[in-house]
Amino acid sequence: MLNNYAPEELQGAALRALRQLLDEKDPQQHWGGLKKVLTPEGHYLWLCDYHAKQYKV
């Protein structure tokens, strides 16, 4: 179960379980309308359009 992991610790089996859950809940991969945004620090965030605006150049 994913409840035993901090987000930064997800790897291996826990990461696969998370991916499986996402695939089951959102098979069309719409991701709730969120967009993948690369931050200046090199991190990827999944954000709504409103919050993604601050990262657009």
PDB file of N, CA and C in Angstrom:
ATOM      1  N   MET A   1       0.841  -1.184   0.000  1.00  0.00           N
ATOM      2  CA  MET A   1       0.000   0.000   0.000  1.00  0.00           C
ATOM      3  C   MET A   1       0.879   1.238   0.000  1.00  0.00           C
ATOM      4  N   LEU A   2       0.434   2.301  -0.628  1.00  0.00           N
ATOM      5  CA  LEU A   2       1.230   3.515  -0.781  1.00  0.00           C
ATOM      6  C   LEU A   2       1.274   4.369   0.478  1.00  0.00           C
ATOM      7  N   ASN A   3       0.389   4.120   1.430  1.00  0.00           N
ATOM      8  CA  ASN A   3       0.329   4.951   2.631  1.00  0.00           C
ATOM      9  C   ASN A   3       1.587   4.888   3.480  1.00  0.00           C
ATOM     10  N   ASN A   4       2.406   3.889   3.300  1.00  0.00           N
ATOM     11  CA  ASN A   4       3.601   3.719   4.121  1.00  0.00           C
ATOM     12  C   ASN A   4       4.811   4.465   3.590  1.00  0.00           C
ATOM     13  N   TYR A   5       4.663   5.218   2.518  1.00  0.00           N
ATOM     14  CA  TYR A   5       5.797   5.852   1.863  1.00  0.00           C
ATOM     15  C   TYR A   5       5.632   7.365   1.803  1.00  0.00           C
ATOM     16  N   ALA A   6       6.723   8.075   2.031  1.00  0.00           N
ATOM     17  CA  ALA A   6       6.752   9.508   1.762  1.00  0.00           C
ATOM     18  C   ALA A   6       6.934   9.656   0.256  1.00  0.00           C
ATOM     19  N   PRO A   7       6.358  10.717  -0.369  1.00  0.00           N
ATOM     20  CA  PRO A   7       6.459  10.844  -1.833  1.00  0.00           C
ATOM     21  C   PRO A   7       7.877  10.756  -2.361  1.00  0.00           C
ATOM     22  N   GLU A   8       8.843  11.315  -1.665  1.00  0.00           N
ATOM     23  CA  GLU A   8      10.215  11.291  -2.158  1.00  0.00           C
ATOM     24  C   GLU A   8      10.862   9.918  -2.020  1.00  0.00           C
ATOM     25  N   GLU A   9      10.192   8.978  -1.354  1.00  0.00           N
ATOM     26  CA  GLU A   9      10.735   7.638  -1.161  1.00  0.00           C
ATOM     27  C   GLU A   9      10.128   6.611  -2.116  1.00  0.00           C
ATOM     28  N   LEU A  10       9.205   7.031  -2.963  1.00  0.00           N
ATOM     29  CA  LEU A  10       8.572   6.075  -3.865  1.00  0.00           C
ATOM     30  C   LEU A  10       9.565   5.601  -4.917  1.00  0.00           C
ATOM     31  N   GLN A  11       9.792   4.310  -4.929  1.00  0.00           N
ATOM     32  CA  GLN A  11      10.637   3.705  -5.934  1.00  0.00           C
ATOM     33  C   GLN A  11      10.318   2.224  -6.001  1.00  0.00           C
ATOM     34  N   GLY A  12      10.785   1.577  -7.014  1.00  0.00           N
ATOM     35  CA  GLY A  12      10.575   0.140  -7.146  1.00  0.00           C
ATOM     36  C   GLY A  12       9.111  -0.243  -7.119  1.00  0.00           C
ATOM     37  N   ALA A  13       8.763  -1.202  -6.256  1.00  0.00           N
ATOM     38  CA  ALA A  13       7.411  -1.752  -6.186  1.00  0.00           C
ATOM     39  C   ALA A  13       6.385  -0.680  -5.835  1.00  0.00           C
ATOM     40  N   ALA A  14       6.727   0.242  -4.942  1.00  0.00           N
ATOM     41  CA  ALA A  14       5.787   1.291  -4.552  1.00  0.00           C
ATOM     42  C   ALA A  14       5.472   2.206  -5.729  1.00  0.00           C
ATOM     43  N   LEU A  15       6.471   2.514  -6.530  1.00  0.00           N
ATOM     44  CA  LEU A  15       6.258   3.359  -7.695  1.00  0.00           C
ATOM     45  C   LEU A  15       5.401   2.638  -8.741  1.00  0.00           C
ATOM     46  N   ARG A  16       5.629   1.346  -8.902  1.00  0.00           N
ATOM     47  CA  ARG A  16       4.803   0.568  -9.822  1.00  0.00           C
ATOM     48  C   ARG A  16       3.363   0.503  -9.327  1.00  0.00           C
ATOM     49  N   ALA A  17       3.155   0.376  -8.025  1.00  0.00           N
ATOM     50  CA  ALA A  17       1.807   0.355  -7.462  1.00  0.00           C
ATOM     51  C   ALA A  17       1.108   1.693  -7.681  1.00  0.00           C
ATOM     52  N   LEU A  18       1.832   2.775  -7.546  1.00  0.00           N
ATOM     53  CA  LEU A  18       1.264   4.096  -7.798  1.00  0.00           C
ATOM     54  C   LEU A  18       0.857   4.218  -9.261  1.00  0.00           C
ATOM     55  N   ARG A  19       1.712   3.784 -10.155  1.00  0.00           N
ATOM     56  CA  ARG A  19       1.407   3.856 -11.586  1.00  0.00           C
ATOM     57  C   ARG A  19       0.182   3.009 -11.916  1.00  0.00           C
ATOM     58  N   GLN A  20       0.087   1.827 -11.321  1.00  0.00           N
ATOM     59  CA  GLN A  20      -1.062   0.956 -11.553  1.00  0.00           C
ATOM     60  C   GLN A  20      -2.345   1.629 -11.069  1.00  0.00           C
ATOM     61  N   LEU A  21      -2.311   2.270  -9.923  1.00  0.00           N
ATOM     62  CA  LEU A  21      -3.472   2.981  -9.398  1.00  0.00           C
ATOM     63  C   LEU A  21      -3.894   4.104 -10.345  1.00  0.00           C
ATOM     64  N   LEU A  22      -2.922   4.878 -10.821  1.00  0.00           N
ATOM     65  CA  LEU A  22      -3.228   5.961 -11.755  1.00  0.00           C
ATOM     66  C   LEU A  22      -3.828   5.422 -13.053  1.00  0.00           C
ATOM     67  N   ASP A  23      -3.287   4.324 -13.557  1.00  0.00           N
ATOM     68  CA  ASP A  23      -3.806   3.724 -14.784  1.00  0.00           C
ATOM     69  C   ASP A  23      -5.230   3.204 -14.591  1.00  0.00           C
ATOM     70  N   GLU A  24      -5.535   2.663 -13.409  1.00  0.00           N
ATOM     71  CA  GLU A  24      -6.882   2.167 -13.131  1.00  0.00           C
ATOM     72  C   GLU A  24      -7.877   3.311 -13.003  1.00  0.00           C
ATOM     73  N   LYS A  25      -7.491   4.370 -12.332  1.00  0.00           N
ATOM     74  CA  LYS A  25      -8.398   5.492 -12.071  1.00  0.00           C
ATOM     75  C   LYS A  25      -8.542   6.433 -13.261  1.00  0.00           C
ATOM     76  N   ASP A  26      -7.543   6.480 -14.121  1.00  0.00           N
ATOM     77  CA  ASP A  26      -7.561   7.401 -15.259  1.00  0.00           C
ATOM     78  C   ASP A  26      -6.979   6.711 -16.493  1.00  0.00           C
ATOM     79  N   PRO A  27      -7.699   5.704 -17.033  1.00  0.00           N
ATOM     80  CA  PRO A  27      -7.146   4.931 -18.148  1.00  0.00           C
ATOM     81  C   PRO A  27      -6.879   5.764 -19.404  1.00  0.00           C
ATOM     82  N   GLN A  28      -7.568   6.870 -19.580  1.00  0.00           N
ATOM     83  CA  GLN A  28      -7.343   7.735 -20.740  1.00  0.00           C
ATOM     84  C   GLN A  28      -6.160   8.679 -20.522  1.00  0.00           C
ATOM     85  N   GLN A  29      -5.603   8.670 -19.336  1.00  0.00           N
ATOM     86  CA  GLN A  29      -4.455   9.506 -18.937  1.00  0.00           C
ATOM     87  C   GLN A  29      -4.719  10.990 -19.180  1.00  0.00           C
ATOM     88  N   HIS A  30      -5.867  11.440 -18.692  1.00  0.00           N
ATOM     89  CA  HIS A  30      -6.197  12.865 -18.742  1.00  0.00           C
ATOM     90  C   HIS A  30      -5.600  13.590 -17.539  1.00  0.00           C
ATOM     91  N   TRP A  31      -5.251  12.842 -16.509  1.00  0.00           N
ATOM     92  CA  TRP A  31      -4.598  13.358 -15.303  1.00  0.00           C
ATOM     93  C   TRP A  31      -5.386  14.499 -14.662  1.00  0.00           C
ATOM     94  N   GLY A  32      -6.701  14.409 -14.749  1.00  0.00           N
ATOM     95  CA  GLY A  32      -7.540  15.422 -14.124  1.00  0.00           C
ATOM     96  C   GLY A  32      -7.362  16.795 -14.729  1.00  0.00           C
ATOM     97  N   GLY A  33      -6.873  16.857 -15.957  1.00  0.00           N
ATOM     98  CA  GLY A  33      -6.648  18.139 -16.611  1.00  0.00           C
ATOM     99  C   GLY A  33      -5.342  18.810 -16.226  1.00  0.00           C
ATOM    100  N   LEU A  34      -4.508  18.137 -15.448  1.00  0.00           N
ATOM    101  CA  LEU A  34      -3.231  18.714 -15.026  1.00  0.00           C
ATOM    102  C   LEU A  34      -2.206  18.626 -16.144  1.00  0.00           C
ATOM    103  N   LYS A  35      -1.285  19.558 -16.151  1.00  0.00           N
ATOM    104  CA  LYS A  35      -0.228  19.611 -17.156  1.00  0.00           C
ATOM    105  C   LYS A  35       1.130  19.378 -16.492  1.00  0.00           C
ATOM    106  N   LYS A  36       1.991  18.665 -17.187  1.00  0.00           N
ATOM    107  CA  LYS A  36       3.352  18.413 -16.704  1.00  0.00           C
ATOM    108  C   LYS A  36       4.193  19.659 -16.978  1.00  0.00           C
ATOM    109  N   VAL A  37       4.764  20.236 -15.923  1.00  0.00           N
ATOM    110  CA  VAL A  37       5.525  21.482 -16.032  1.00  0.00           C
ATOM    111  C   VAL A  37       6.923  21.263 -15.450  1.00  0.00           C
ATOM    112  N   LEU A  38       7.944  21.663 -16.205  1.00  0.00           N
ATOM    113  CA  LEU A  38       9.322  21.593 -15.729  1.00  0.00           C
ATOM    114  C   LEU A  38       9.662  22.915 -15.038  1.00  0.00           C
ATOM    115  N   THR A  39      10.093  22.842 -13.785  1.00  0.00           N
ATOM    116  CA  THR A  39      10.459  24.050 -13.047  1.00  0.00           C
ATOM    117  C   THR A  39      11.896  24.446 -13.372  1.00  0.00           C
ATOM    118  N   PRO A  40      12.290  25.684 -13.078  1.00  0.00           N
ATOM    119  CA  PRO A  40      13.679  26.104 -13.308  1.00  0.00           C
ATOM    120  C   PRO A  40      14.690  25.259 -12.532  1.00  0.00           C
ATOM    121  N   GLU A  41      14.248  24.655 -11.439  1.00  0.00           N
ATOM    122  CA  GLU A  41      15.134  23.804 -10.634  1.00  0.00           C
ATOM    123  C   GLU A  41      15.285  22.399 -11.211  1.00  0.00           C
ATOM    124  N   GLY A  42      14.525  22.116 -12.285  1.00  0.00           N
ATOM    125  CA  GLY A  42      14.627  20.809 -12.920  1.00  0.00           C
ATOM    126  C   GLY A  42      13.644  19.777 -12.395  1.00  0.00           C
ATOM    127  N   HIS A  43      12.622  20.208 -11.660  1.00  0.00           N
ATOM    128  CA  HIS A  43      11.611  19.302 -11.130  1.00  0.00           C
ATOM    129  C   HIS A  43      10.379  19.326 -12.033  1.00  0.00           C
ATOM    130  N   TYR A  44       9.711  18.197 -12.143  1.00  0.00           N
ATOM    131  CA  TYR A  44       8.446  18.153 -12.862  1.00  0.00           C
ATOM    132  C   TYR A  44       7.315  18.228 -11.854  1.00  0.00           C
ATOM    133  N   LEU A  45       6.338  19.092 -12.144  1.00  0.00           N
ATOM    134  CA  LEU A  45       5.139  19.222 -11.333  1.00  0.00           C
ATOM    135  C   LEU A  45       3.931  19.026 -12.234  1.00  0.00           C
ATOM    136  N   TRP A  46       2.874  18.467 -11.696  1.00  0.00           N
ATOM    137  CA  TRP A  46       1.612  18.335 -12.421  1.00  0.00           C
ATOM    138  C   TRP A  46       0.696  19.411 -11.875  1.00  0.00           C
ATOM    139  N   LEU A  47       0.386  20.407 -12.716  1.00  0.00           N
ATOM    140  CA  LEU A  47      -0.329  21.599 -12.264  1.00  0.00           C
ATOM    141  C   LEU A  47      -1.520  21.906 -13.157  1.00  0.00           C
ATOM    142  N   CYS A  48      -2.510  22.582 -12.563  1.00  0.00           N
ATOM    143  CA  CYS A  48      -3.624  23.098 -13.355  1.00  0.00           C
ATOM    144  C   CYS A  48      -3.109  24.306 -14.143  1.00  0.00           C
ATOM    145  N   ASP A  49      -3.898  24.743 -15.130  1.00  0.00           N
ATOM    146  CA  ASP A  49      -3.483  25.874 -15.964  1.00  0.00           C
ATOM    147  C   ASP A  49      -3.195  27.122 -15.127  1.00  0.00           C
ATOM    148  N   TYR A  50      -4.016  27.361 -14.131  1.00  0.00           N
ATOM    149  CA  TYR A  50      -3.855  28.555 -13.293  1.00  0.00           C
ATOM    150  C   TYR A  50      -2.478  28.575 -12.628  1.00  0.00           C
ATOM    151  N   HIS A  51      -2.072  27.473 -12.019  1.00  0.00           N
ATOM    152  CA  HIS A  51      -0.799  27.428 -11.310  1.00  0.00           C
ATOM    153  C   HIS A  51       0.390  27.227 -12.244  1.00  0.00           C
ATOM    154  N   ALA A  52       0.150  26.659 -13.424  1.00  0.00           N
ATOM    155  CA  ALA A  52       1.238  26.462 -14.393  1.00  0.00           C
ATOM    156  C   ALA A  52       1.686  27.780 -15.010  1.00  0.00           C
ATOM    157  N   LYS A  53       0.811  28.795 -15.002  1.00  0.00           N
ATOM    158  CA  LYS A  53       1.140  30.087 -15.624  1.00  0.00           C
ATOM    159  C   LYS A  53       2.418  30.702 -15.054  1.00  0.00           C
ATOM    160  N   GLN A  54       2.674  30.508 -13.787  1.00  0.00           N
ATOM    161  CA  GLN A  54       3.862  31.136 -13.189  1.00  0.00           C
ATOM    162  C   GLN A  54       5.167  30.570 -13.739  1.00  0.00           C
ATOM    163  N   TYR A  55       5.102  29.404 -14.398  1.00  0.00           N
ATOM    164  CA  TYR A  55       6.311  28.791 -14.939  1.00  0.00           C
ATOM    165  C   TYR A  55       6.483  29.020 -16.430  1.00  0.00           C
ATOM    166  N   LYS A  56       5.507  29.631 -17.071  1.00  0.00           N
ATOM    167  CA  LYS A  56       5.612  29.889 -18.514  1.00  0.00           C
ATOM    168  C   LYS A  56       6.498  31.079 -18.747  1.00  0.00           C
ATOM    169  N   VAL A  57       7.350  30.950 -19.756  1.00  0.00           N
ATOM    170  CA  VAL A  57       8.308  32.002 -20.076  1.00  0.00           C
ATOM    171  C   VAL A  57       7.730  32.963 -21.090  1.00  0.00           C
TER     172      VAL A  57
END
